[in-house]
Amino acid sequence: MDKPIVNMINWTIVKGDEDYFLHGTCDYHPYLGKNAFVSRTSPLEKYTFEDDILNYETRHTVYSCPLKYMSVDMFGRLVNKSVSIMLERVKDSDDLLDKLIEACAKIVLGYEDNAFMSRIKEIQAIGQEEIKKTYRRD
């Protein structure tokens, strides 16, 4: 059985004590419907990253997460101590997911940009404009 592919916007990846999870908005989810907000996916089974798109696979679903639609808003709503704790969990890791979390946390905490952070900010600005145009309410 093939897993459904769910496209995500305004998504964030979070690392819990032992696992990763996503939250964000799906264009269509086979169980939740159209434009559904997912507060927490099932745990990660595996992922791939190609052409600035994270494909995050859980037991039943593959979430397609374009980097340009990633959001740092969730980190902005956390108090600085929580963001600092998240940053500490991923410090010195070479894993791509940890690097994404680290970049988002550092953006929120106001760290000086490195090349990766600058790239995320650049493509996020494009993605947020696309979202505004696509999902605007007239």
Protein backbone atom coordinates (compact mmCIF):
# COMPACT_ATOMS: atom_id res chain seq x y z
CA MET A 1 0.00 0.00 0.00
CA ASP A 2 1.39 3.39 -0.99
CA LYS A 3 1.32 6.12 1.60
CA PRO A 4 -0.58 9.32 0.79
CA ILE A 5 1.54 12.41 0.14
CA VAL A 6 0.39 15.46 2.06
CA ASN A 7 1.66 18.92 1.12
CA MET A 8 2.46 21.21 4.07
CA ILE A 9 2.54 25.00 4.46
CA ASN A 10 3.51 27.07 7.48
CA TRP A 11 5.10 23.99 8.94
CA THR A 12 7.67 23.62 11.66
CA ILE A 13 9.79 20.69 12.74
CA VAL A 14 10.26 20.14 16.45
CA LYS A 15 12.49 17.78 18.38
CA GLY A 16 10.98 16.32 21.49
CA ASP A 17 12.94 14.48 24.13
CA GLU A 18 13.28 11.42 21.91
CA ASP A 19 11.69 12.05 18.52
CA TYR A 20 10.88 14.60 15.85
CA PHE A 21 7.44 15.74 14.79
CA LEU A 22 5.92 18.28 12.44
CA HIS A 23 3.11 20.69 12.86
CA GLY A 24 1.55 22.91 10.25
CA THR A 25 -1.25 23.16 7.71
CA CYS A 26 -1.96 20.47 5.09
CA ASP A 27 -3.49 21.34 1.73
CA TYR A 28 -5.40 18.05 1.96
CA HIS A 29 -5.04 15.24 4.47
CA PRO A 30 -6.82 11.93 3.75
CA TYR A 31 -8.09 11.66 7.34
CA LEU A 32 -8.39 15.29 8.40
CA GLY A 33 -9.64 16.92 5.19
CA LYS A 34 -8.81 20.11 3.33
CA ASN A 35 -6.62 22.86 4.85
CA ALA A 36 -6.34 20.93 8.10
CA PHE A 37 -4.00 22.01 10.87
CA VAL A 38 -1.87 19.18 12.20
CA SER A 39 -0.66 19.97 15.70
CA ARG A 40 1.65 16.97 15.89
CA THR A 41 2.42 14.27 13.37
CA SER A 42 3.26 10.71 14.20
CA PRO A 43 6.96 10.19 14.86
CA LEU A 44 9.41 10.31 12.00
CA GLU A 45 10.33 7.01 10.35
CA LYS A 46 12.65 8.44 7.69
CA TYR A 47 13.21 11.55 5.63
CA THR A 48 14.77 12.76 2.41
CA PHE A 49 15.73 16.27 1.39
CA GLU A 50 16.00 17.29 -2.24
CA ASP A 51 15.50 20.54 -4.14
CA ASP A 52 14.70 22.42 -0.90
CA ILE A 53 11.86 20.02 -0.06
CA LEU A 54 11.83 17.89 3.07
CA ASN A 55 9.89 14.63 2.60
CA TYR A 56 9.04 13.54 6.11
CA GLU A 57 7.69 10.01 6.36
CA THR A 58 5.63 8.64 9.22
CA ARG A 59 4.04 5.22 9.56
CA HIS A 60 1.03 6.12 7.39
CA THR A 61 1.85 9.36 5.57
CA VAL A 62 4.57 11.18 3.64
CA TYR A 63 4.56 14.92 4.33
CA SER A 64 6.03 17.08 1.57
CA CYS A 65 7.46 20.17 3.25
CA PRO A 66 8.94 22.84 0.97
CA LEU A 67 11.57 24.77 2.86
CA LYS A 68 10.10 28.02 1.51
CA TYR A 69 6.88 27.28 3.41
CA MET A 70 8.64 26.50 6.70
CA SER A 71 7.64 28.84 9.51
CA VAL A 72 9.63 30.07 12.48
CA ASP A 73 6.44 31.45 14.07
CA MET A 74 6.14 28.54 16.49
CA PHE A 75 9.59 29.31 17.83
CA GLY A 76 8.61 32.96 18.15
CA ARG A 77 5.68 32.02 20.39
CA LEU A 78 7.91 30.10 22.77
CA VAL A 79 9.66 31.93 25.53
CA ASN A 80 13.38 32.39 24.98
CA LYS A 81 14.20 29.73 27.57
CA SER A 82 12.19 27.10 25.64
CA VAL A 83 13.87 28.08 22.37
CA SER A 84 17.25 27.89 24.12
CA ILE A 85 16.41 24.39 25.37
CA MET A 86 15.43 23.34 21.83
CA LEU A 87 18.69 24.83 20.55
CA GLU A 88 20.68 22.90 23.15
CA ARG A 89 19.05 19.61 22.04
CA VAL A 90 20.34 20.01 18.49
CA LYS A 91 23.70 21.68 19.18
CA ASP A 92 26.68 20.20 17.35
CA SER A 93 24.54 17.74 15.36
CA ASP A 94 25.23 17.08 11.70
CA ASP A 95 21.67 15.87 11.06
CA LEU A 96 19.74 18.05 8.60
CA LEU A 97 16.60 18.13 10.76
CA ASP A 98 18.64 19.36 13.70
CA LYS A 99 20.25 22.00 11.48
CA LEU A 100 16.77 23.25 10.44
CA ILE A 101 15.68 23.46 14.07
CA GLU A 102 18.91 25.19 15.03
CA ALA A 103 18.55 27.77 12.25
CA CYS A 104 14.94 28.58 13.22
CA ALA A 105 15.86 28.90 16.89
CA LYS A 106 18.82 31.16 16.10
CA ILE A 107 16.67 33.35 13.84
CA VAL A 108 14.15 33.83 16.64
CA LEU A 109 16.84 34.49 19.23
CA GLY A 110 18.47 37.08 16.98
CA TYR A 111 21.78 35.35 16.30
CA GLU A 112 23.92 36.73 13.51
CA ASP A 113 23.02 35.01 10.23
CA ASN A 114 25.19 32.32 8.76
CA ALA A 115 24.83 31.17 5.13
CA PHE A 116 22.20 28.53 5.98
CA MET A 117 20.09 30.96 8.03
CA SER A 118 20.29 33.55 5.26
CA ARG A 119 19.13 30.97 2.70
CA ILE A 120 16.18 29.97 4.89
CA LYS A 121 15.15 33.60 5.41
CA GLU A 122 15.47 34.29 1.69
CA ILE A 123 13.31 31.42 0.51
CA GLN A 124 10.85 31.82 3.40
CA ALA A 125 10.17 35.40 2.31
CA ILE A 126 9.29 34.10 -1.16
CA GLY A 127 7.15 31.30 0.27
CA GLN A 128 5.25 33.59 2.64
CA GLU A 129 4.38 35.91 -0.26
CA GLU A 130 3.13 32.91 -2.26
CA ILE A 131 1.00 31.79 0.68
CA LYS A 132 -0.52 35.29 1.05
CA LYS A 133 -1.43 35.36 -2.65
CA THR A 134 -2.78 31.81 -2.72
CA TYR A 135 -4.70 31.85 0.56
CA ARG A 136 -5.80 35.48 0.72
CA ARG A 137 -9.40 36.12 1.59
CA ASP A 138 -11.09 38.69 -0.62
